[in-house]
Amino acid sequence: LKTVAESSGFRSTSTYAEVLRFLQIVDQASPIIHLTSYGTTHEGRMMPLAVVGTGLKDGSAASVLASGKLRVHIQGNIHAGEVEGKESTQILLRELAMGQHAEWLDSMVLLVNPVYNADG
């Protein structure tokens, strides 16, 4: 699974729809990734959130809190045109889904939002 950026030799960047599709794929591929939303933008787009952790029942706030682990929020694409975070968070999620960085999840839950500015 490659991001749009990787597939294009880093000449293109993912659209909002492509990021959502990527998130759905890693969510389905890994039991440690739970795709959810933490709101809706002014224009009605879902604000996606990938909750990544071991031992979680689901991606709910209650499940994350019950884990007792440190919570780390990673946010990308805060402003329109800031694509680096959007692309790097997708790569990170893919790596986590493939079992890389597993030791991180012993002590923390990652809350990853690749596209904060979904309307931008």
C-alpha atoms as a PDB file:
ATOM      1  CA  LEU A   1       0.000   0.000   0.000  1.00  0.00           C
ATOM      2  CA  LYS A   2       1.565   3.236  -1.163  1.00  0.00           C
ATOM      3  CA  THR A   3       0.417   6.799  -0.687  1.00  0.00           C
ATOM      4  CA  VAL A   4      -0.302   8.987  -3.697  1.00  0.00           C
ATOM      5  CA  ALA A   5       2.927  10.854  -2.951  1.00  0.00           C
ATOM      6  CA  GLU A   6       4.990   7.671  -2.967  1.00  0.00           C
ATOM      7  CA  SER A   7       3.292   6.360  -6.105  1.00  0.00           C
ATOM      8  CA  SER A   8       4.031   9.598  -7.965  1.00  0.00           C
ATOM      9  CA  GLY A   9       7.658   9.900  -6.900  1.00  0.00           C
ATOM     10  CA  PHE A  10       6.542  12.680  -4.533  1.00  0.00           C
ATOM     11  CA  ARG A  11       5.267  14.870  -7.364  1.00  0.00           C
ATOM     12  CA  SER A  12       1.594  14.650  -6.284  1.00  0.00           C
ATOM     13  CA  THR A  13      -0.247  14.662  -2.990  1.00  0.00           C
ATOM     14  CA  SER A  14      -3.311  12.809  -1.762  1.00  0.00           C
ATOM     15  CA  THR A  15      -6.763  14.320  -2.038  1.00  0.00           C
ATOM     16  CA  TYR A  16      -9.127  14.197   0.916  1.00  0.00           C
ATOM     17  CA  ALA A  17     -10.973  11.238  -0.681  1.00  0.00           C
ATOM     18  CA  GLU A  18      -7.696   9.388  -1.254  1.00  0.00           C
ATOM     19  CA  VAL A  19      -6.667   9.878   2.367  1.00  0.00           C
ATOM     20  CA  LEU A  20     -10.012   8.501   3.540  1.00  0.00           C
ATOM     21  CA  ARG A  21      -9.615   5.481   1.270  1.00  0.00           C
ATOM     22  CA  PHE A  22      -6.093   4.896   2.596  1.00  0.00           C
ATOM     23  CA  LEU A  23      -7.362   5.129   6.201  1.00  0.00           C
ATOM     24  CA  GLN A  24     -10.131   2.639   5.481  1.00  0.00           C
ATOM     25  CA  ILE A  25      -7.625   0.169   4.047  1.00  0.00           C
ATOM     26  CA  VAL A  26      -5.248   0.324   7.042  1.00  0.00           C
ATOM     27  CA  ASP A  27      -8.229   0.150   9.408  1.00  0.00           C
ATOM     28  CA  GLN A  28      -9.431  -3.053   7.743  1.00  0.00           C
ATOM     29  CA  ALA A  29      -5.899  -4.478   7.540  1.00  0.00           C
ATOM     30  CA  SER A  30      -4.971  -4.128  11.196  1.00  0.00           C
ATOM     31  CA  PRO A  31      -6.746  -4.874  14.481  1.00  0.00           C
ATOM     32  CA  ILE A  32      -4.746  -2.135  16.233  1.00  0.00           C
ATOM     33  CA  ILE A  33      -6.108   0.669  14.014  1.00  0.00           C
ATOM     34  CA  HIS A  34      -9.614   1.968  14.585  1.00  0.00           C
ATOM     35  CA  LEU A  35     -10.911   4.582  12.145  1.00  0.00           C
ATOM     36  CA  THR A  36     -13.343   7.029  13.647  1.00  0.00           C
ATOM     37  CA  SER A  37     -14.221  10.701  13.415  1.00  0.00           C
ATOM     38  CA  TYR A  38     -13.930  13.544  15.852  1.00  0.00           C
ATOM     39  CA  GLY A  39     -16.272  15.883  14.153  1.00  0.00           C
ATOM     40  CA  THR A  40     -17.495  17.409  10.952  1.00  0.00           C
ATOM     41  CA  THR A  41     -16.057  20.410   9.150  1.00  0.00           C
ATOM     42  CA  HIS A  42     -17.996  23.568   8.366  1.00  0.00           C
ATOM     43  CA  GLU A  43     -18.605  22.187   4.856  1.00  0.00           C
ATOM     44  CA  GLY A  44     -19.798  18.822   6.203  1.00  0.00           C
ATOM     45  CA  ARG A  45     -16.711  16.651   5.717  1.00  0.00           C
ATOM     46  CA  MET A  46     -15.788  14.023   8.272  1.00  0.00           C
ATOM     47  CA  MET A  47     -12.684  14.836  10.326  1.00  0.00           C
ATOM     48  CA  PRO A  48     -11.008  11.415  10.331  1.00  0.00           C
ATOM     49  CA  LEU A  49      -9.151  10.072  13.327  1.00  0.00           C
ATOM     50  CA  ALA A  50      -7.172   6.841  13.387  1.00  0.00           C
ATOM     51  CA  VAL A  51      -6.920   5.523  16.929  1.00  0.00           C
ATOM     52  CA  VAL A  52      -3.914   3.221  17.149  1.00  0.00           C
ATOM     53  CA  GLY A  53      -3.280   1.031  20.154  1.00  0.00           C
ATOM     54  CA  THR A  54      -3.049  -2.476  21.477  1.00  0.00           C
ATOM     55  CA  GLY A  55      -5.709  -3.897  23.755  1.00  0.00           C
ATOM     56  CA  LEU A  56      -8.366  -1.395  22.678  1.00  0.00           C
ATOM     57  CA  LYS A  57     -11.937  -2.616  22.349  1.00  0.00           C
ATOM     58  CA  ASP A  58     -12.611   0.052  19.721  1.00  0.00           C
ATOM     59  CA  GLY A  59     -11.670   3.625  18.866  1.00  0.00           C
ATOM     60  CA  SER A  60     -13.931   5.270  21.407  1.00  0.00           C
ATOM     61  CA  ALA A  61     -12.720   7.795  23.948  1.00  0.00           C
ATOM     62  CA  ALA A  62     -13.832   5.440  26.728  1.00  0.00           C
ATOM     63  CA  SER A  63     -11.720   2.604  25.341  1.00  0.00           C
ATOM     64  CA  VAL A  64      -8.675   4.855  24.971  1.00  0.00           C
ATOM     65  CA  LEU A  65      -9.081   6.229  28.487  1.00  0.00           C
ATOM     66  CA  ALA A  66      -9.556   2.727  29.934  1.00  0.00           C
ATOM     67  CA  SER A  67      -6.210   1.683  28.459  1.00  0.00           C
ATOM     68  CA  GLY A  68      -4.458   3.910  31.006  1.00  0.00           C
ATOM     69  CA  LYS A  69      -1.797   4.657  28.410  1.00  0.00           C
ATOM     70  CA  LEU A  70      -0.286   7.965  27.395  1.00  0.00           C
ATOM     71  CA  ARG A  71      -2.267   9.531  24.554  1.00  0.00           C
ATOM     72  CA  VAL A  72      -0.334  11.202  21.750  1.00  0.00           C
ATOM     73  CA  HIS A  73      -2.162  13.305  19.153  1.00  0.00           C
ATOM     74  CA  ILE A  74      -0.557  13.623  15.720  1.00  0.00           C
ATOM     75  CA  GLN A  75      -2.185  16.113  13.365  1.00  0.00           C
ATOM     76  CA  GLY A  76      -1.370  16.844   9.751  1.00  0.00           C
ATOM     77  CA  ASN A  77      -2.550  19.204   7.017  1.00  0.00           C
ATOM     78  CA  ILE A  78      -3.505  21.938   9.446  1.00  0.00           C
ATOM     79  CA  HIS A  79      -3.429  24.596   6.723  1.00  0.00           C
ATOM     80  CA  ALA A  80      -4.225  24.199   3.048  1.00  0.00           C
ATOM     81  CA  GLY A  81      -1.078  23.352   1.126  1.00  0.00           C
ATOM     82  CA  GLU A  82       0.764  21.832   4.094  1.00  0.00           C
ATOM     83  CA  VAL A  83       0.891  18.342   2.661  1.00  0.00           C
ATOM     84  CA  GLU A  84       3.958  16.896   4.387  1.00  0.00           C
ATOM     85  CA  GLY A  85       2.111  15.937   7.563  1.00  0.00           C
ATOM     86  CA  LYS A  86      -0.758  14.434   5.596  1.00  0.00           C
ATOM     87  CA  GLU A  87       1.587  12.185   3.642  1.00  0.00           C
ATOM     88  CA  SER A  88       3.885  11.272   6.530  1.00  0.00           C
ATOM     89  CA  THR A  89       1.004  10.296   8.826  1.00  0.00           C
ATOM     90  CA  GLN A  90      -0.297   7.917   6.172  1.00  0.00           C
ATOM     91  CA  ILE A  91       3.148   6.322   5.917  1.00  0.00           C
ATOM     92  CA  LEU A  92       3.301   6.047   9.715  1.00  0.00           C
ATOM     93  CA  LEU A  93      -0.128   4.388   9.850  1.00  0.00           C
ATOM     94  CA  ARG A  94       0.906   1.893   7.188  1.00  0.00           C
ATOM     95  CA  GLU A  95       4.068   1.061   9.134  1.00  0.00           C
ATOM     96  CA  LEU A  96       2.071   0.578  12.346  1.00  0.00           C
ATOM     97  CA  ALA A  97      -0.442  -1.654  10.539  1.00  0.00           C
ATOM     98  CA  MET A  98       2.504  -3.770   9.335  1.00  0.00           C
ATOM     99  CA  GLY A  99       3.797  -4.210  12.891  1.00  0.00           C
ATOM    100  CA  GLN A 100       6.594  -1.660  12.835  1.00  0.00           C
ATOM    101  CA  HIS A 101       7.128   0.505  15.925  1.00  0.00           C
ATOM    102  CA  ALA A 102       5.160  -2.033  18.010  1.00  0.00           C
ATOM    103  CA  GLU A 103       7.075  -1.114  21.154  1.00  0.00           C
ATOM    104  CA  TRP A 104       5.571   2.385  21.053  1.00  0.00           C
ATOM    105  CA  LEU A 105       2.143   0.917  21.669  1.00  0.00           C
ATOM    106  CA  ASP A 106       3.231  -0.745  24.921  1.00  0.00           C
ATOM    107  CA  SER A 107       2.933   2.612  26.664  1.00  0.00           C
ATOM    108  CA  MET A 108       0.833   4.851  24.426  1.00  0.00           C
ATOM    109  CA  VAL A 109      -2.166   5.200  22.164  1.00  0.00           C
ATOM    110  CA  LEU A 110      -1.724   7.288  19.027  1.00  0.00           C
ATOM    111  CA  LEU A 111      -4.540   9.559  17.854  1.00  0.00           C
ATOM    112  CA  VAL A 112      -3.696  10.339  14.224  1.00  0.00           C
ATOM    113  CA  ASN A 113      -5.512  12.885  12.074  1.00  0.00           C
ATOM    114  CA  PRO A 114      -3.854  13.201   8.668  1.00  0.00           C
ATOM    115  CA  VAL A 115      -6.273  15.862   7.393  1.00  0.00           C
ATOM    116  CA  TYR A 116      -7.281  18.437   9.969  1.00  0.00           C
ATOM    117  CA  ASN A 117      -8.169  21.060   7.339  1.00  0.00           C
ATOM    118  CA  ALA A 118     -10.430  18.879   5.233  1.00  0.00           C
ATOM    119  CA  ASP A 119     -12.146  21.928   3.708  1.00  0.00           C
ATOM    120  CA  GLY A 120      -8.875  23.645   2.743  1.00  0.00           C
END
